Amino acid sequence: MTLATFFALMAIGLLAGMLSGLIGIGGGIVMVPLLLLLGFSQHQAQGTSLAVLVVPVTAAAVFNYYKEGYLDWRYAALIAVFFVVGGYFGSKLAITIDQRMLKKIFGIILLIVAGKMIFEK
């Protein structure tokens, strides 16, 4: 790993963490596109982004939301259980899809989400 790559990855982590705490995004919307810019394949970027989530990287941010009363642990636990199941099957599917097609699917989903957020009343 070069020094430039080290600092680029450090910046990606910091930016994703800041945006995760600020507006609840990070992995798919921030890390994956930035890793693609560093030359990662779509599969490598997705795998790396998911690997970051293995450790409790958002624990400090979660604690802040919890202490302000913005977190229902029951809802979070239910979503987490099915996130694990969905993540398993989604990853099994993703590794069978060609990188170019996967990038297109990823881009379309980002556009749909962006359009909904921009044009929603």
PDB file of N, CA and C in Angstrom:
ATOM      1  N   MET A   1       0.856  -1.176   0.000  1.00  0.00           N
ATOM      2  CA  MET A   1       0.000   0.000   0.000  1.00  0.00           C
ATOM      3  C   MET A   1       0.900   1.236   0.000  1.00  0.00           C
ATOM      4  N   THR A   2       0.644   2.124  -0.923  1.00  0.00           N
ATOM      5  CA  THR A   2       1.419   3.362  -0.980  1.00  0.00           C
ATOM      6  C   THR A   2       0.909   4.344   0.065  1.00  0.00           C
ATOM      7  N   LEU A   3       1.703   5.353   0.336  1.00  0.00           N
ATOM      8  CA  LEU A   3       1.304   6.386   1.276  1.00  0.00           C
ATOM      9  C   LEU A   3       0.074   7.135   0.758  1.00  0.00           C
ATOM     10  N   ALA A   4       0.037   7.366  -0.552  1.00  0.00           N
ATOM     11  CA  ALA A   4      -1.120   8.052  -1.149  1.00  0.00           C
ATOM     12  C   ALA A   4      -2.387   7.224  -0.971  1.00  0.00           C
ATOM     13  N   THR A   5      -2.282   5.919  -1.174  1.00  0.00           N
ATOM     14  CA  THR A   5      -3.443   5.038  -0.989  1.00  0.00           C
ATOM     15  C   THR A   5      -3.871   5.038   0.470  1.00  0.00           C
ATOM     16  N   PHE A   6      -2.902   4.987   1.376  1.00  0.00           N
ATOM     17  CA  PHE A   6      -3.204   5.023   2.800  1.00  0.00           C
ATOM     18  C   PHE A   6      -4.021   6.268   3.139  1.00  0.00           C
ATOM     19  N   PHE A   7      -3.571   7.438   2.683  1.00  0.00           N
ATOM     20  CA  PHE A   7      -4.277   8.678   2.996  1.00  0.00           C
ATOM     21  C   PHE A   7      -5.634   8.751   2.281  1.00  0.00           C
ATOM     22  N   ALA A   8      -5.728   8.188   1.081  1.00  0.00           N
ATOM     23  CA  ALA A   8      -7.019   8.160   0.379  1.00  0.00           C
ATOM     24  C   ALA A   8      -8.018   7.304   1.142  1.00  0.00           C
ATOM     25  N   LEU A   9      -7.590   6.143   1.611  1.00  0.00           N
ATOM     26  CA  LEU A   9      -8.476   5.265   2.382  1.00  0.00           C
ATOM     27  C   LEU A   9      -8.854   5.904   3.714  1.00  0.00           C
ATOM     28  N   MET A  10      -7.902   6.588   4.337  1.00  0.00           N
ATOM     29  CA  MET A  10      -8.187   7.290   5.579  1.00  0.00           C
ATOM     30  C   MET A  10      -9.244   8.373   5.347  1.00  0.00           C
ATOM     31  N   ALA A  11      -9.117   9.111   4.248  1.00  0.00           N
ATOM     32  CA  ALA A  11     -10.085  10.161   3.922  1.00  0.00           C
ATOM     33  C   ALA A  11     -11.463   9.574   3.635  1.00  0.00           C
ATOM     34  N   ILE A  12     -11.503   8.444   2.936  1.00  0.00           N
ATOM     35  CA  ILE A  12     -12.780   7.784   2.650  1.00  0.00           C
ATOM     36  C   ILE A  12     -13.455   7.375   3.952  1.00  0.00           C
ATOM     37  N   GLY A  13     -12.696   6.787   4.862  1.00  0.00           N
ATOM     38  CA  GLY A  13     -13.256   6.381   6.158  1.00  0.00           C
ATOM     39  C   GLY A  13     -13.776   7.561   6.951  1.00  0.00           C
ATOM     40  N   LEU A  14     -13.008   8.630   6.982  1.00  0.00           N
ATOM     41  CA  LEU A  14     -13.430   9.826   7.713  1.00  0.00           C
ATOM     42  C   LEU A  14     -14.683  10.435   7.098  1.00  0.00           C
ATOM     43  N   LEU A  15     -14.698  10.571   5.770  1.00  0.00           N
ATOM     44  CA  LEU A  15     -15.864  11.142   5.100  1.00  0.00           C
ATOM     45  C   LEU A  15     -17.102  10.268   5.290  1.00  0.00           C
ATOM     46  N   ALA A  16     -16.946   8.958   5.107  1.00  0.00           N
ATOM     47  CA  ALA A  16     -18.081   8.048   5.277  1.00  0.00           C
ATOM     48  C   ALA A  16     -18.591   8.079   6.711  1.00  0.00           C
ATOM     49  N   GLY A  17     -17.672   8.121   7.669  1.00  0.00           N
ATOM     50  CA  GLY A  17     -18.074   8.196   9.075  1.00  0.00           C
ATOM     51  C   GLY A  17     -18.799   9.490   9.388  1.00  0.00           C
ATOM     52  N   MET A  18     -18.266  10.596   8.902  1.00  0.00           N
ATOM     53  CA  MET A  18     -18.912  11.897   9.143  1.00  0.00           C
ATOM     54  C   MET A  18     -20.315  11.920   8.530  1.00  0.00           C
ATOM     55  N   LEU A  19     -20.440  11.475   7.291  1.00  0.00           N
ATOM     56  CA  LEU A  19     -21.750  11.485   6.641  1.00  0.00           C
ATOM     57  C   LEU A  19     -22.701  10.468   7.256  1.00  0.00           C
ATOM     58  N   SER A  20     -22.162   9.368   7.752  1.00  0.00           N
ATOM     59  CA  SER A  20     -22.994   8.382   8.429  1.00  0.00           C
ATOM     60  C   SER A  20     -23.598   8.979   9.689  1.00  0.00           C
ATOM     61  N   GLY A  21     -22.771   9.636  10.477  1.00  0.00           N
ATOM     62  CA  GLY A  21     -23.269  10.269  11.696  1.00  0.00           C
ATOM     63  C   GLY A  21     -24.169  11.457  11.410  1.00  0.00           C
ATOM     64  N   LEU A  22     -23.864  12.197  10.347  1.00  0.00           N
ATOM     65  CA  LEU A  22     -24.616  13.405  10.024  1.00  0.00           C
ATOM     66  C   LEU A  22     -25.967  13.107   9.393  1.00  0.00           C
ATOM     67  N   ILE A  23     -25.977  12.266   8.354  1.00  0.00           N
ATOM     68  CA  ILE A  23     -27.236  12.038   7.631  1.00  0.00           C
ATOM     69  C   ILE A  23     -27.560  10.565   7.406  1.00  0.00           C
ATOM     70  N   GLY A  24     -26.832   9.665   8.069  1.00  0.00           N
ATOM     71  CA  GLY A  24     -27.181   8.250   8.027  1.00  0.00           C
ATOM     72  C   GLY A  24     -26.737   7.500   6.784  1.00  0.00           C
ATOM     73  N   ILE A  25     -25.770   8.044   6.038  1.00  0.00           N
ATOM     74  CA  ILE A  25     -25.256   7.327   4.865  1.00  0.00           C
ATOM     75  C   ILE A  25     -23.771   7.093   5.034  1.00  0.00           C
ATOM     76  N   GLY A  26     -23.217   6.213   4.266  1.00  0.00           N
ATOM     77  CA  GLY A  26     -21.782   5.976   4.372  1.00  0.00           C
ATOM     78  C   GLY A  26     -21.289   4.907   3.432  1.00  0.00           C
ATOM     79  N   GLY A  27     -21.681   3.668   3.696  1.00  0.00           N
ATOM     80  CA  GLY A  27     -21.148   2.543   2.934  1.00  0.00           C
ATOM     81  C   GLY A  27     -21.403   2.588   1.450  1.00  0.00           C
ATOM     82  N   GLY A  28     -22.611   2.300   1.077  1.00  0.00           N
ATOM     83  CA  GLY A  28     -22.932   2.188  -0.336  1.00  0.00           C
ATOM     84  C   GLY A  28     -22.881   3.489  -1.091  1.00  0.00           C
ATOM     85  N   ILE A  29     -23.272   4.549  -0.465  1.00  0.00           N
ATOM     86  CA  ILE A  29     -23.385   5.816  -1.184  1.00  0.00           C
ATOM     87  C   ILE A  29     -22.074   6.585  -1.191  1.00  0.00           C
ATOM     88  N   VAL A  30     -21.244   6.409  -0.200  1.00  0.00           N
ATOM     89  CA  VAL A  30     -19.987   7.164  -0.128  1.00  0.00           C
ATOM     90  C   VAL A  30     -18.786   6.271  -0.424  1.00  0.00           C
ATOM     91  N   MET A  31     -18.636   5.195   0.329  1.00  0.00           N
ATOM     92  CA  MET A  31     -17.432   4.383   0.195  1.00  0.00           C
ATOM     93  C   MET A  31     -17.317   3.698  -1.164  1.00  0.00           C
ATOM     94  N   VAL A  32     -18.393   3.094  -1.631  1.00  0.00           N
ATOM     95  CA  VAL A  32     -18.304   2.342  -2.884  1.00  0.00           C
ATOM     96  C   VAL A  32     -17.879   3.236  -4.050  1.00  0.00           C
ATOM     97  N   PRO A  33     -18.549   4.374  -4.299  1.00  0.00           N
ATOM     98  CA  PRO A  33     -18.092   5.208  -5.423  1.00  0.00           C
ATOM     99  C   PRO A  33     -16.655   5.705  -5.271  1.00  0.00           C
ATOM    100  N   LEU A  34     -16.247   6.051  -4.056  1.00  0.00           N
ATOM    101  CA  LEU A  34     -14.880   6.537  -3.862  1.00  0.00           C
ATOM    102  C   LEU A  34     -13.855   5.412  -4.051  1.00  0.00           C
ATOM    103  N   LEU A  35     -14.185   4.217  -3.631  1.00  0.00           N
ATOM    104  CA  LEU A  35     -13.291   3.080  -3.860  1.00  0.00           C
ATOM    105  C   LEU A  35     -13.191   2.769  -5.352  1.00  0.00           C
ATOM    106  N   LEU A  36     -14.282   2.956  -6.077  1.00  0.00           N
ATOM    107  CA  LEU A  36     -14.238   2.771  -7.531  1.00  0.00           C
ATOM    108  C   LEU A  36     -13.268   3.770  -8.159  1.00  0.00           C
ATOM    109  N   LEU A  37     -13.280   5.004  -7.649  1.00  0.00           N
ATOM    110  CA  LEU A  37     -12.359   6.020  -8.157  1.00  0.00           C
ATOM    111  C   LEU A  37     -10.900   5.664  -7.867  1.00  0.00           C
ATOM    112  N   LEU A  38     -10.677   4.881  -6.814  1.00  0.00           N
ATOM    113  CA  LEU A  38      -9.319   4.431  -6.493  1.00  0.00           C
ATOM    114  C   LEU A  38      -8.893   3.232  -7.336  1.00  0.00           C
ATOM    115  N   GLY A  39      -9.793   2.747  -8.186  1.00  0.00           N
ATOM    116  CA  GLY A  39      -9.448   1.637  -9.059  1.00  0.00           C
ATOM    117  C   GLY A  39      -9.949   0.279  -8.607  1.00  0.00           C
ATOM    118  N   PHE A  40     -10.729   0.241  -7.537  1.00  0.00           N
ATOM    119  CA  PHE A  40     -11.318  -1.027  -7.100  1.00  0.00           C
ATOM    120  C   PHE A  40     -12.341  -1.475  -8.135  1.00  0.00           C
ATOM    121  N   SER A  41     -12.543  -2.775  -8.268  1.00  0.00           N
ATOM    122  CA  SER A  41     -13.658  -3.272  -9.088  1.00  0.00           C
ATOM    123  C   SER A  41     -14.941  -3.064  -8.289  1.00  0.00           C
ATOM    124  N   GLN A  42     -16.089  -3.163  -8.940  1.00  0.00           N
ATOM    125  CA  GLN A  42     -17.362  -3.017  -8.245  1.00  0.00           C
ATOM    126  C   GLN A  42     -17.460  -4.042  -7.116  1.00  0.00           C
ATOM    127  N   HIS A  43     -17.085  -5.282  -7.408  1.00  0.00           N
ATOM    128  CA  HIS A  43     -17.144  -6.332  -6.389  1.00  0.00           C
ATOM    129  C   HIS A  43     -16.196  -6.031  -5.225  1.00  0.00           C
ATOM    130  N   GLN A  44     -14.984  -5.577  -5.523  1.00  0.00           N
ATOM    131  CA  GLN A  44     -14.031  -5.247  -4.460  1.00  0.00           C
ATOM    132  C   GLN A  44     -14.533  -4.084  -3.612  1.00  0.00           C
ATOM    133  N   ALA A  45     -15.098  -3.074  -4.259  1.00  0.00           N
ATOM    134  CA  ALA A  45     -15.604  -1.904  -3.524  1.00  0.00           C
ATOM    135  C   ALA A  45     -16.755  -2.301  -2.608  1.00  0.00           C
ATOM    136  N   GLN A  46     -17.667  -3.111  -3.103  1.00  0.00           N
ATOM    137  CA  GLN A  46     -18.797  -3.552  -2.284  1.00  0.00           C
ATOM    138  C   GLN A  46     -18.313  -4.422  -1.125  1.00  0.00           C
ATOM    139  N   GLY A  47     -17.408  -5.349  -1.410  1.00  0.00           N
ATOM    140  CA  GLY A  47     -16.896  -6.220  -0.359  1.00  0.00           C
ATOM    141  C   GLY A  47     -16.157  -5.442   0.715  1.00  0.00           C
ATOM    142  N   THR A  48     -15.358  -4.469   0.293  1.00  0.00           N
ATOM    143  CA  THR A  48     -14.618  -3.649   1.252  1.00  0.00           C
ATOM    144  C   THR A  48     -15.563  -2.808   2.094  1.00  0.00           C
ATOM    145  N   SER A  49     -16.552  -2.211   1.450  1.00  0.00           N
ATOM    146  CA  SER A  49     -17.537  -1.398   2.168  1.00  0.00           C
ATOM    147  C   SER A  49     -18.275  -2.234   3.207  1.00  0.00           C
ATOM    148  N   LEU A  50     -18.661  -3.427   2.838  1.00  0.00           N
ATOM    149  CA  LEU A  50     -19.348  -4.313   3.782  1.00  0.00           C
ATOM    150  C   LEU A  50     -18.422  -4.757   4.910  1.00  0.00           C
ATOM    151  N   ALA A  51     -17.148  -5.004   4.592  1.00  0.00           N
ATOM    152  CA  ALA A  51     -16.194  -5.436   5.619  1.00  0.00           C
ATOM    153  C   ALA A  51     -16.018  -4.370   6.695  1.00  0.00           C
ATOM    154  N   VAL A  52     -16.096  -3.106   6.292  1.00  0.00           N
ATOM    155  CA  VAL A  52     -15.981  -2.013   7.260  1.00  0.00           C
ATOM    156  C   VAL A  52     -17.094  -2.113   8.300  1.00  0.00           C
ATOM    157  N   LEU A  53     -18.253  -2.596   7.898  1.00  0.00           N
ATOM    158  CA  LEU A  53     -19.402  -2.680   8.800  1.00  0.00           C
ATOM    159  C   LEU A  53     -19.351  -3.858   9.761  1.00  0.00           C
ATOM    160  N   VAL A  54     -18.379  -4.759   9.579  1.00  0.00           N
ATOM    161  CA  VAL A  54     -18.277  -5.938  10.432  1.00  0.00           C
ATOM    162  C   VAL A  54     -18.018  -5.532  11.876  1.00  0.00           C
ATOM    163  N   VAL A  55     -17.154  -4.580  12.081  1.00  0.00           N
ATOM    164  CA  VAL A  55     -16.892  -4.090  13.440  1.00  0.00           C
ATOM    165  C   VAL A  55     -17.895  -2.986  13.752  1.00  0.00           C
ATOM    166  N   PRO A  56     -18.136  -2.729  15.014  1.00  0.00           N
ATOM    167  CA  PRO A  56     -19.144  -1.703  15.365  1.00  0.00           C
ATOM    168  C   PRO A  56     -18.644  -0.279  15.097  1.00  0.00           C
ATOM    169  N   VAL A  57     -18.452   0.030  13.806  1.00  0.00           N
ATOM    170  CA  VAL A  57     -17.867   1.326  13.437  1.00  0.00           C
ATOM    171  C   VAL A  57     -18.766   2.506  13.761  1.00  0.00           C
ATOM    172  N   THR A  58     -20.047   2.272  13.876  1.00  0.00           N
ATOM    173  CA  THR A  58     -20.957   3.395  14.131  1.00  0.00           C
ATOM    174  C   THR A  58     -21.395   3.473  15.594  1.00  0.00           C
ATOM    175  N   ALA A  59     -20.752   2.721  16.461  1.00  0.00           N
ATOM    176  CA  ALA A  59     -21.180   2.654  17.862  1.00  0.00           C
ATOM    177  C   ALA A  59     -21.250   4.026  18.525  1.00  0.00           C
ATOM    178  N   ALA A  60     -20.258   4.860  18.299  1.00  0.00           N
ATOM    179  CA  ALA A  60     -20.258   6.188  18.938  1.00  0.00           C
ATOM    180  C   ALA A  60     -21.416   7.039  18.418  1.00  0.00           C
ATOM    181  N   ALA A  61     -21.665   6.970  17.109  1.00  0.00           N
ATOM    182  CA  ALA A  61     -22.777   7.737  16.534  1.00  0.00           C
ATOM    183  C   ALA A  61     -24.115   7.200  17.042  1.00  0.00           C
ATOM    184  N   VAL A  62     -24.241   5.878  17.120  1.00  0.00           N
ATOM    185  CA  VAL A  62     -25.472   5.263  17.627  1.00  0.00           C
ATOM    186  C   VAL A  62     -25.726   5.716  19.060  1.00  0.00           C
ATOM    187  N   PHE A  63     -24.686   5.752  19.853  1.00  0.00           N
ATOM    188  CA  PHE A  63     -24.825   6.177  21.245  1.00  0.00           C
ATOM    189  C   PHE A  63     -25.385   7.599  21.328  1.00  0.00           C
ATOM    190  N   ASN A  64     -24.895   8.491  20.485  1.00  0.00           N
ATOM    191  CA  ASN A  64     -25.403   9.872  20.481  1.00  0.00           C
ATOM    192  C   ASN A  64     -26.898   9.919  20.147  1.00  0.00           C
ATOM    193  N   TYR A  65     -27.315   9.155  19.143  1.00  0.00           N
ATOM    194  CA  TYR A  65     -28.733   9.132  18.783  1.00  0.00           C
ATOM    195  C   TYR A  65     -29.567   8.495  19.894  1.00  0.00           C
ATOM    196  N   TYR A  66     -29.038   7.443  20.514  1.00  0.00           N
ATOM    197  CA  TYR A  66     -29.739   6.762  21.594  1.00  0.00           C
ATOM    198  C   TYR A  66     -29.957   7.697  22.790  1.00  0.00           C
ATOM    199  N   LYS A  67     -28.904   8.373  23.211  1.00  0.00           N
ATOM    200  CA  LYS A  67     -29.036   9.210  24.408  1.00  0.00           C
ATOM    201  C   LYS A  67     -29.959  10.407  24.178  1.00  0.00           C
ATOM    202  N   GLU A  68     -30.203  10.775  22.930  1.00  0.00           N
ATOM    203  CA  GLU A  68     -31.148  11.857  22.616  1.00  0.00           C
ATOM    204  C   GLU A  68     -32.560  11.325  22.377  1.00  0.00           C
ATOM    205  N   GLY A  69     -32.741   9.992  22.489  1.00  0.00           N
ATOM    206  CA  GLY A  69     -34.067   9.405  22.352  1.00  0.00           C
ATOM    207  C   GLY A  69     -34.501   9.122  20.921  1.00  0.00           C
ATOM    208  N   TYR A  70     -33.557   9.050  20.003  1.00  0.00           N
ATOM    209  CA  TYR A  70     -33.881   8.832  18.592  1.00  0.00           C
ATOM    210  C   TYR A  70     -33.654   7.401  18.122  1.00  0.00           C
ATOM    211  N   LEU A  71     -33.633   6.453  19.026  1.00  0.00           N
ATOM    212  CA  LEU A  71     -33.355   5.079  18.642  1.00  0.00           C
ATOM    213  C   LEU A  71     -34.276   4.129  19.382  1.00  0.00           C
ATOM    214  N   ASP A  72     -34.951   3.266  18.635  1.00  0.00           N
ATOM    215  CA  ASP A  72     -35.760   2.191  19.207  1.00  0.00           C
ATOM    216  C   ASP A  72     -35.002   0.896  18.931  1.00  0.00           C
ATOM    217  N   TRP A  73     -34.403   0.338  19.973  1.00  0.00           N
ATOM    218  CA  TRP A  73     -33.573  -0.855  19.823  1.00  0.00           C
ATOM    219  C   TRP A  73     -34.338  -2.040  19.240  1.00  0.00           C
ATOM    220  N   ARG A  74     -35.643  -2.139  19.536  1.00  0.00           N
ATOM    221  CA  ARG A  74     -36.432  -3.256  18.995  1.00  0.00           C
ATOM    222  C   ARG A  74     -36.457  -3.192  17.474  1.00  0.00           C
ATOM    223  N   TYR A  75     -36.697  -2.011  16.935  1.00  0.00           N
ATOM    224  CA  TYR A  75     -36.730  -1.847  15.480  1.00  0.00           C
ATOM    225  C   TYR A  75     -35.353  -2.120  14.885  1.00  0.00           C
ATOM    226  N   ALA A  76     -34.325  -1.576  15.522  1.00  0.00           N
ATOM    227  CA  ALA A  76     -32.964  -1.762  15.019  1.00  0.00           C
ATOM    228  C   ALA A  76     -32.579  -3.238  15.019  1.00  0.00           C
ATOM    229  N   ALA A  77     -32.931  -3.964  16.082  1.00  0.00           N
ATOM    230  CA  ALA A  77     -32.594  -5.388  16.173  1.00  0.00           C
ATOM    231  C   ALA A  77     -33.314  -6.197  15.100  1.00  0.00           C
ATOM    232  N   LEU A  78     -34.590  -5.904  14.882  1.00  0.00           N
ATOM    233  CA  LEU A  78     -35.343  -6.629  13.864  1.00  0.00           C
ATOM    234  C   LEU A  78     -34.758  -6.388  12.476  1.00  0.00           C
ATOM    235  N   ILE A  79     -34.472  -5.130  12.174  1.00  0.00           N
ATOM    236  CA  ILE A  79     -33.865  -4.803  10.877  1.00  0.00           C
ATOM    237  C   ILE A  79     -32.506  -5.489  10.756  1.00  0.00           C
ATOM    238  N   ALA A  80     -31.711  -5.481  11.829  1.00  0.00           N
ATOM    239  CA  ALA A  80     -30.371  -6.072  11.792  1.00  0.00           C
ATOM    240  C   ALA A  80     -30.413  -7.560  11.476  1.00  0.00           C
ATOM    241  N   VAL A  81     -31.336  -8.286  12.087  1.00  0.00           N
ATOM    242  CA  VAL A  81     -31.452  -9.728  11.825  1.00  0.00           C
ATOM    243  C   VAL A  81     -31.721  -9.971  10.345  1.00  0.00           C
ATOM    244  N   PHE A  82     -32.660  -9.238   9.786  1.00  0.00           N
ATOM    245  CA  PHE A  82     -33.001  -9.453   8.385  1.00  0.00           C
ATOM    246  C   PHE A  82     -31.977  -8.820   7.441  1.00  0.00           C
ATOM    247  N   PHE A  83     -31.234  -7.832   7.921  1.00  0.00           N
ATOM    248  CA  PHE A  83     -30.118  -7.275   7.156  1.00  0.00           C
ATOM    249  C   PHE A  83     -29.060  -8.351   6.934  1.00  0.00           C
ATOM    250  N   VAL A  84     -28.789  -9.139   7.975  1.00  0.00           N
ATOM    251  CA  VAL A  84     -27.816 -10.224   7.861  1.00  0.00           C
ATOM    252  C   VAL A  84     -28.292 -11.238   6.824  1.00  0.00           C
ATOM    253  N   VAL A  85     -29.549 -11.634   6.903  1.00  0.00           N
ATOM    254  CA  VAL A  85     -30.104 -12.603   5.950  1.00  0.00           C
ATOM    255  C   VAL A  85     -30.081 -12.035   4.530  1.00  0.00           C
ATOM    256  N   GLY A  86     -30.568 -10.803   4.387  1.00  0.00           N
ATOM    257  CA  GLY A  86     -30.588 -10.168   3.071  1.00  0.00           C
ATOM    258  C   GLY A  86     -29.189  -9.955   2.525  1.00  0.00           C
ATOM    259  N   GLY A  87     -28.256  -9.576   3.397  1.00  0.00           N
ATOM    260  CA  GLY A  87     -26.874  -9.372   2.973  1.00  0.00           C
ATOM    261  C   GLY A  87     -26.245 -10.654   2.457  1.00  0.00           C
ATOM    262  N   TYR A  88     -26.549 -11.754   3.106  1.00  0.00           N
ATOM    263  CA  TYR A  88     -26.012 -13.042   2.667  1.00  0.00           C
ATOM    264  C   TYR A  88     -26.504 -13.382   1.263  1.00  0.00           C
ATOM    265  N   PHE A  89     -27.815 -13.330   1.071  1.00  0.00           N
ATOM    266  CA  PHE A  89     -28.365 -13.694  -0.233  1.00  0.00           C
ATOM    267  C   PHE A  89     -28.028 -12.661  -1.308  1.00  0.00           C
ATOM    268  N   GLY A  90     -27.990 -11.386  -0.929  1.00  0.00           N
ATOM    269  CA  GLY A  90     -27.625 -10.348  -1.894  1.00  0.00           C
ATOM    270  C   GLY A  90     -26.187 -10.507  -2.368  1.00  0.00           C
ATOM    271  N   SER A  91     -25.294 -10.858  -1.449  1.00  0.00           N
ATOM    272  CA  SER A  91     -23.894 -11.038  -1.841  1.00  0.00           C
ATOM    273  C   SER A  91     -23.723 -12.269  -2.718  1.00  0.00           C
ATOM    274  N   LYS A  92     -24.469 -13.332  -2.421  1.00  0.00           N
ATOM    275  CA  LYS A  92     -24.405 -14.532  -3.266  1.00  0.00           C
ATOM    276  C   LYS A  92     -24.840 -14.198  -4.691  1.00  0.00           C
ATOM    277  N   LEU A  93     -25.867 -13.355  -4.819  1.00  0.00           N
ATOM    278  CA  LEU A  93     -26.333 -12.937  -6.137  1.00  0.00           C
ATOM    279  C   LEU A  93     -25.331 -11.999  -6.801  1.00  0.00           C
ATOM    280  N   ALA A  94     -24.817 -11.034  -6.048  1.00  0.00           N
ATOM    281  CA  ALA A  94     -23.914 -10.023  -6.611  1.00  0.00           C
ATOM    282  C   ALA A  94     -22.660 -10.638  -7.222  1.00  0.00           C
ATOM    283  N   ILE A  95     -22.103 -11.660  -6.588  1.00  0.00           N
ATOM    284  CA  ILE A  95     -20.866 -12.233  -7.117  1.00  0.00           C
ATOM    285  C   ILE A  95     -21.089 -13.031  -8.401  1.00  0.00           C
ATOM    286  N   THR A  96     -22.346 -13.274  -8.741  1.00  0.00           N
ATOM    287  CA  THR A  96     -22.643 -13.961 -10.005  1.00  0.00           C
ATOM    288  C   THR A  96     -22.932 -12.981 -11.144  1.00  0.00           C
ATOM    289  N   ILE A  97     -23.045 -11.693 -10.830  1.00  0.00           N
ATOM    290  CA  ILE A  97     -23.389 -10.685 -11.833  1.00  0.00           C
ATOM    291  C   ILE A  97     -22.110 -10.026 -12.340  1.00  0.00           C
ATOM    292  N   ASP A  98     -22.033  -9.832 -13.646  1.00  0.00           N
ATOM    293  CA  ASP A  98     -20.906  -9.157 -14.266  1.00  0.00           C
ATOM    294  C   ASP A  98     -20.732  -7.756 -13.670  1.00  0.00           C
ATOM    295  N   GLN A  99     -19.471  -7.351 -13.476  1.00  0.00           N
ATOM    296  CA  GLN A  99     -19.172  -6.058 -12.856  1.00  0.00           C
ATOM    297  C   GLN A  99     -19.840  -4.885 -13.577  1.00  0.00           C
ATOM    298  N   ARG A 100     -19.846  -4.890 -14.902  1.00  0.00           N
ATOM    299  CA  ARG A 100     -20.458  -3.779 -15.645  1.00  0.00           C
ATOM    300  C   ARG A 100     -21.951  -3.681 -15.352  1.00  0.00           C
ATOM    301  N   MET A 101     -22.634  -4.804 -15.314  1.00  0.00           N
ATOM    302  CA  MET A 101     -24.066  -4.814 -15.019  1.00  0.00           C
ATOM    303  C   MET A 101     -24.298  -4.391 -13.571  1.00  0.00           C
ATOM    304  N   LEU A 102     -23.474  -4.852 -12.671  1.00  0.00           N
ATOM    305  CA  LEU A 102     -23.609  -4.501 -11.265  1.00  0.00           C
ATOM    306  C   LEU A 102     -23.434  -2.994 -11.063  1.00  0.00           C
ATOM    307  N   LYS A 103     -22.483  -2.399 -11.778  1.00  0.00           N
ATOM    308  CA  LYS A 103     -22.293  -0.942 -11.709  1.00  0.00           C
ATOM    309  C   LYS A 103     -23.536  -0.208 -12.199  1.00  0.00           C
ATOM    310  N   LYS A 104     -24.136  -0.708 -13.258  1.00  0.00           N
ATOM    311  CA  LYS A 104     -25.341  -0.071 -13.792  1.00  0.00           C
ATOM    312  C   LYS A 104     -26.493  -0.167 -12.791  1.00  0.00           C
ATOM    313  N   ILE A 105     -26.675  -1.323 -12.199  1.00  0.00           N
ATOM    314  CA  ILE A 105     -27.721  -1.506 -11.192  1.00  0.00           C
ATOM    315  C   ILE A 105     -27.478  -0.549 -10.025  1.00  0.00           C
ATOM    316  N   PHE A 106     -26.241  -0.480  -9.568  1.00  0.00           N
ATOM    317  CA  PHE A 106     -25.864   0.400  -8.460  1.00  0.00           C
ATOM    318  C   PHE A 106     -26.172   1.855  -8.817  1.00  0.00           C
ATOM    319  N   GLY A 107     -25.755   2.285  -9.994  1.00  0.00           N
ATOM    320  CA  GLY A 107     -25.987   3.659 -10.435  1.00  0.00           C
ATOM    321  C   GLY A 107     -27.459   4.003 -10.544  1.00  0.00           C
ATOM    322  N   ILE A 108     -28.254   3.100 -11.076  1.00  0.00           N
ATOM    323  CA  ILE A 108     -29.694   3.337 -11.215  1.00  0.00           C
ATOM    324  C   ILE A 108     -30.349   3.493  -9.845  1.00  0.00           C
ATOM    325  N   ILE A 109     -29.959   2.644  -8.906  1.00  0.00           N
ATOM    326  CA  ILE A 109     -30.517   2.751  -7.554  1.00  0.00           C
ATOM    327  C   ILE A 109     -30.145   4.093  -6.930  1.00  0.00           C
ATOM    328  N   LEU A 110     -28.895   4.526  -7.104  1.00  0.00           N
ATOM    329  CA  LEU A 110     -28.490   5.829  -6.582  1.00  0.00           C
ATOM    330  C   LEU A 110     -29.316   6.955  -7.214  1.00  0.00           C
ATOM    331  N   LEU A 111     -29.549   6.889  -8.512  1.00  0.00           N
ATOM    332  CA  LEU A 111     -30.350   7.917  -9.192  1.00  0.00           C
ATOM    333  C   LEU A 111     -31.791   7.938  -8.690  1.00  0.00           C
ATOM    334  N   ILE A 112     -32.372   6.772  -8.509  1.00  0.00           N
ATOM    335  CA  ILE A 112     -33.753   6.695  -8.016  1.00  0.00           C
ATOM    336  C   ILE A 112     -33.854   7.307  -6.620  1.00  0.00           C
ATOM    337  N   VAL A 113     -32.932   6.935  -5.751  1.00  0.00           N
ATOM    338  CA  VAL A 113     -32.948   7.469  -4.387  1.00  0.00           C
ATOM    339  C   VAL A 113     -32.727   8.980  -4.407  1.00  0.00           C
ATOM    340  N   ALA A 114     -31.752   9.432  -5.205  1.00  0.00           N
ATOM    341  CA  ALA A 114     -31.476  10.869  -5.294  1.00  0.00           C
ATOM    342  C   ALA A 114     -32.692  11.624  -5.821  1.00  0.00           C
ATOM    343  N   GLY A 115     -33.318  11.112  -6.869  1.00  0.00           N
ATOM    344  CA  GLY A 115     -34.496  11.772  -7.428  1.00  0.00           C
ATOM    345  C   GLY A 115     -35.629  11.864  -6.425  1.00  0.00           C
ATOM    346  N   LYS A 116     -35.865  10.790  -5.712  1.00  0.00           N
ATOM    347  CA  LYS A 116     -36.929  10.800  -4.704  1.00  0.00           C
ATOM    348  C   LYS A 116     -36.648  11.838  -3.625  1.00  0.00           C
ATOM    349  N   MET A 117     -35.408  11.893  -3.176  1.00  0.00           N
ATOM    350  CA  MET A 117     -35.066  12.843  -2.104  1.00  0.00           C
ATOM    351  C   MET A 117     -35.117  14.287  -2.592  1.00  0.00           C
ATOM    352  N   ILE A 118     -34.688  14.522  -3.825  1.00  0.00           N
ATOM    353  CA  ILE A 118     -34.665  15.889  -4.351  1.00  0.00           C
ATOM    354  C   ILE A 118     -36.079  16.403  -4.644  1.00  0.00           C
ATOM    355  N   PHE A 119     -36.912  15.549  -5.227  1.00  0.00           N
ATOM    356  CA  PHE A 119     -38.223  16.002  -5.684  1.00  0.00           C
ATOM    357  C   PHE A 119     -39.360  15.713  -4.723  1.00  0.00           C
ATOM    358  N   GLU A 120     -39.075  15.082  -3.605  1.00  0.00           N
ATOM    359  CA  GLU A 120     -40.107  14.803  -2.598  1.00  0.00           C
ATOM    360  C   GLU A 120     -40.534  16.088  -1.899  1.00  0.00           C
ATOM    361  N   LYS A 121     -41.815  16.201  -1.639  1.00  0.00           N
ATOM    362  CA  LYS A 121     -42.322  17.408  -0.967  1.00  0.00           C
ATOM    363  C   LYS A 121     -42.202  17.319   0.512  1.00  0.00           C
TER     364      LYS A 121
END
